[in-house]
Protein backbone atom coordinates (compact mmCIF):
# COMPACT_ATOMS: atom_id res chain seq x y z
CA MET A 1 11.29 -9.38 -17.78
CA ASP A 2 14.35 -7.41 -16.86
CA SER A 3 16.34 -7.07 -13.64
CA TYR A 4 15.12 -4.46 -11.18
CA ASN A 5 18.60 -2.91 -11.10
CA LYS A 6 17.72 -1.34 -14.48
CA ILE A 7 14.84 0.63 -12.94
CA PRO A 8 15.73 4.33 -12.90
CA ASP A 9 16.05 6.07 -9.55
CA ALA A 10 14.91 9.46 -8.35
CA GLU A 11 14.38 11.20 -5.05
CA ILE A 12 10.74 11.21 -4.01
CA LYS A 13 9.49 14.75 -3.50
CA SER A 14 5.92 15.65 -2.65
CA ALA A 15 4.31 16.10 -6.05
CA GLY A 16 0.94 14.33 -5.74
CA GLU A 17 -1.02 11.51 -4.10
CA MET A 18 1.46 8.73 -4.74
CA SER A 19 4.59 10.61 -3.70
CA LYS A 20 2.87 11.79 -0.50
CA LYS A 21 1.91 8.20 0.41
CA PHE A 22 5.46 6.94 -0.07
CA ILE A 23 6.92 9.83 1.92
CA GLU A 24 4.45 9.03 4.74
CA LEU A 25 5.88 5.49 4.71
CA GLY A 26 9.43 6.86 5.02
CA ILE A 27 10.33 5.84 1.47
CA ILE A 28 12.54 8.46 -0.16
CA SER A 29 13.66 6.99 -3.50
CA PHE A 30 11.88 5.64 -6.55
CA LYS A 31 13.78 2.34 -6.41
CA GLU A 32 12.86 1.93 -2.72
CA ALA A 33 9.22 2.47 -3.69
CA CYS A 34 9.51 -0.26 -6.35
CA ASP A 35 11.04 -2.67 -3.81
CA TYR A 36 8.32 -1.84 -1.31
CA VAL A 37 5.53 -2.49 -3.82
CA HIS A 38 7.16 -5.71 -5.03
CA ASN A 39 7.41 -7.05 -1.48
CA ILE A 40 3.81 -6.28 -0.49
CA GLU A 41 1.44 -9.26 -0.57
CA TYR A 42 0.00 -10.20 -3.95
CA GLY A 43 -3.78 -10.14 -3.98
CA TYR A 44 -6.78 -8.73 -5.77
CA ASN A 45 -8.11 -5.44 -4.47
CA THR A 46 -11.75 -4.67 -3.73
CA ASN A 47 -12.00 -1.39 -5.67
CA TYR A 48 -9.77 -0.61 -8.63
CA ASP A 49 -11.37 2.82 -9.06
CA ASP A 50 -9.74 3.93 -5.79
CA LYS A 51 -6.19 5.04 -6.67
CA LEU A 52 -5.07 4.46 -3.07
CA ILE A 53 -6.59 0.97 -2.63
CA PHE A 54 -3.13 -0.63 -2.71
CA PHE A 55 -2.15 1.34 0.40
CA LYS A 56 -5.52 0.90 2.14
CA GLU A 57 -5.58 -2.89 1.73
CA ASN A 58 -1.79 -3.41 1.91
CA LYS A 59 -1.87 -5.78 -1.05
CA GLY A 60 -2.12 -5.60 -4.81
CA SER A 61 -2.32 -7.40 -8.13
CA CYS A 62 -0.44 -6.50 -11.30
CA THR A 63 -3.09 -3.85 -11.92
CA SER A 64 -2.72 -1.92 -8.67
CA LYS A 65 0.99 -2.54 -8.02
CA HIS A 66 2.00 -1.20 -11.43
CA ALA A 67 -0.56 1.63 -11.26
CA VAL A 68 0.94 2.95 -8.02
CA ILE A 69 4.51 2.91 -9.38
CA ALA A 70 3.57 4.29 -12.81
CA GLY A 71 1.56 6.99 -11.04
CA LEU A 72 4.58 7.82 -8.87
CA ALA A 73 6.81 7.89 -11.97
CA LYS A 74 4.44 10.33 -13.64
CA GLU A 75 4.50 12.63 -10.58
CA LEU A 76 8.31 12.54 -10.47
CA ASN A 77 8.78 12.86 -14.26
CA VAL A 78 10.51 9.48 -14.40
CA PRO A 79 10.02 8.05 -17.94
CA LEU A 80 8.65 4.69 -16.76
CA TYR A 81 5.17 3.64 -17.88
CA LYS A 82 2.47 1.07 -17.22
CA HIS A 83 1.73 -1.31 -20.08
CA VAL A 84 -1.09 -3.78 -20.51
CA GLY A 85 -0.23 -6.97 -22.33
CA ILE A 86 -2.34 -9.88 -23.47
CA TYR A 87 -0.65 -13.26 -23.25
CA LYS A 88 -1.50 -16.90 -23.99
CA LEU A 89 -2.34 -18.64 -20.72
CA ASN A 90 -1.48 -22.34 -20.85
CA GLU A 91 -0.33 -25.17 -18.57
CA GLU A 92 3.30 -24.02 -18.70
CA ILE A 93 2.30 -20.69 -17.15
CA SER A 94 -0.32 -21.88 -14.68
CA THR A 95 -0.78 -25.46 -13.47
CA GLY A 96 -4.30 -26.75 -14.01
CA THR A 97 -4.98 -24.75 -17.16
CA ASN A 98 -4.94 -27.85 -19.39
CA GLU A 99 -8.15 -29.09 -17.80
CA ILE A 100 -10.01 -26.02 -19.12
CA LEU A 101 -8.22 -25.97 -22.46
CA LYS A 102 -9.01 -29.63 -23.19
CA LYS A 103 -12.64 -29.28 -22.05
CA TYR A 104 -13.25 -26.47 -24.55
CA ASN A 105 -10.70 -27.57 -27.18
CA LEU A 106 -8.68 -24.36 -26.90
CA PRO A 107 -4.94 -23.86 -27.54
CA TYR A 108 -4.77 -21.14 -24.81
CA VAL A 109 -6.84 -18.52 -23.00
CA PRO A 110 -5.94 -14.88 -23.69
CA ILE A 111 -5.29 -13.10 -20.38
CA VAL A 112 -4.41 -9.52 -19.45
CA HIS A 113 -1.26 -8.73 -17.49
CA CYS A 114 0.22 -5.36 -16.50
CA PHE A 115 3.90 -4.47 -16.20
CA LEU A 116 6.22 -1.47 -16.34
CA VAL A 117 8.39 -0.23 -19.21
CA TYR A 118 11.44 2.03 -19.05
CA GLN A 119 13.30 2.53 -22.34
CA ASP A 120 13.70 -1.03 -23.72
CA TYR A 121 13.34 -2.69 -20.31
CA ARG A 122 10.25 -4.40 -18.90
CA PHE A 123 9.61 -4.97 -15.19
CA ASP A 124 7.01 -7.06 -13.40
CA LEU A 125 6.61 -6.11 -9.74
CA THR A 126 4.46 -9.23 -9.19
CA GLU A 127 7.25 -11.55 -10.35
CA GLY A 128 8.14 -13.92 -7.52
CA ASN A 129 4.92 -13.10 -5.64
CA CYS A 130 2.44 -15.90 -4.95
CA ASN A 131 0.44 -14.99 -8.05
CA GLY A 132 -0.36 -18.45 -9.44
CA LYS A 133 2.13 -18.27 -12.29
CA ASN A 134 4.88 -20.87 -12.72
CA THR A 135 6.97 -18.61 -14.93
CA THR A 136 7.51 -15.04 -15.99
CA ILE A 137 5.39 -13.79 -18.86
CA GLU A 138 7.71 -12.77 -21.69
CA ASP A 139 5.63 -13.16 -24.86
CA PHE A 140 2.52 -11.10 -25.51
CA ILE A 141 -0.06 -11.24 -28.28
CA HIS A 142 -0.42 -7.49 -27.86
CA GLU A 143 0.93 -4.84 -25.50
CA GLU A 144 0.45 -1.12 -25.18
CA LYS A 145 1.20 1.83 -22.94
CA VAL A 146 -1.78 2.89 -20.81
CA ASP A 147 -2.69 5.45 -18.20
CA PRO A 148 -1.41 4.28 -14.78
CA PHE A 149 -4.97 4.12 -13.47
CA ILE A 150 -6.72 2.79 -16.55
CA SER A 151 -10.30 1.86 -15.64
CA ARG A 152 -11.38 -1.76 -15.55
CA LYS A 153 -13.80 -0.98 -18.38
CA GLU A 154 -11.07 0.54 -20.58
CA GLU A 155 -8.79 -2.41 -19.84
CA TYR A 156 -11.58 -4.84 -20.75
CA LEU A 157 -12.29 -2.98 -24.01
CA LEU A 158 -8.59 -3.16 -24.90
CA TYR A 159 -8.64 -6.91 -24.12
CA LYS A 160 -11.80 -7.43 -26.17
CA LYS A 161 -10.29 -5.56 -29.13
CA TYR A 162 -7.38 -8.00 -29.35
């Protein structure tokens, strides 16, 4: 993944749900919003159909953290997008994985991960969070641009397809 200093910046103006939430928090630039989201606790949310769940629970996974920022980017016309990627989970990425792989004689487990894309740059706002990964995910079996608030069902169908 790329350095956050390559994330584009823009002034946050009230243009929708996401921009209003960041303004309420006193955050006035797109880069500040990215820093804010990155620094919030990593954790799974209770309801991914609620676009504001990240703010309500004050935590987020790759799904909700990247949805909030991609949603903000869309409101501000910043050309940064949420992507879903499928990667090969193995022991190098997450300690303890070998136990499952050996038990079922698998080379890896395909897993979904979300991140942001701007031009040729990729950003992971969960990088460095306590997310259970030993390393940054760089290689994907498949990746594609998605709606910031893609439903869990649509994400699963994309996963199942690949």
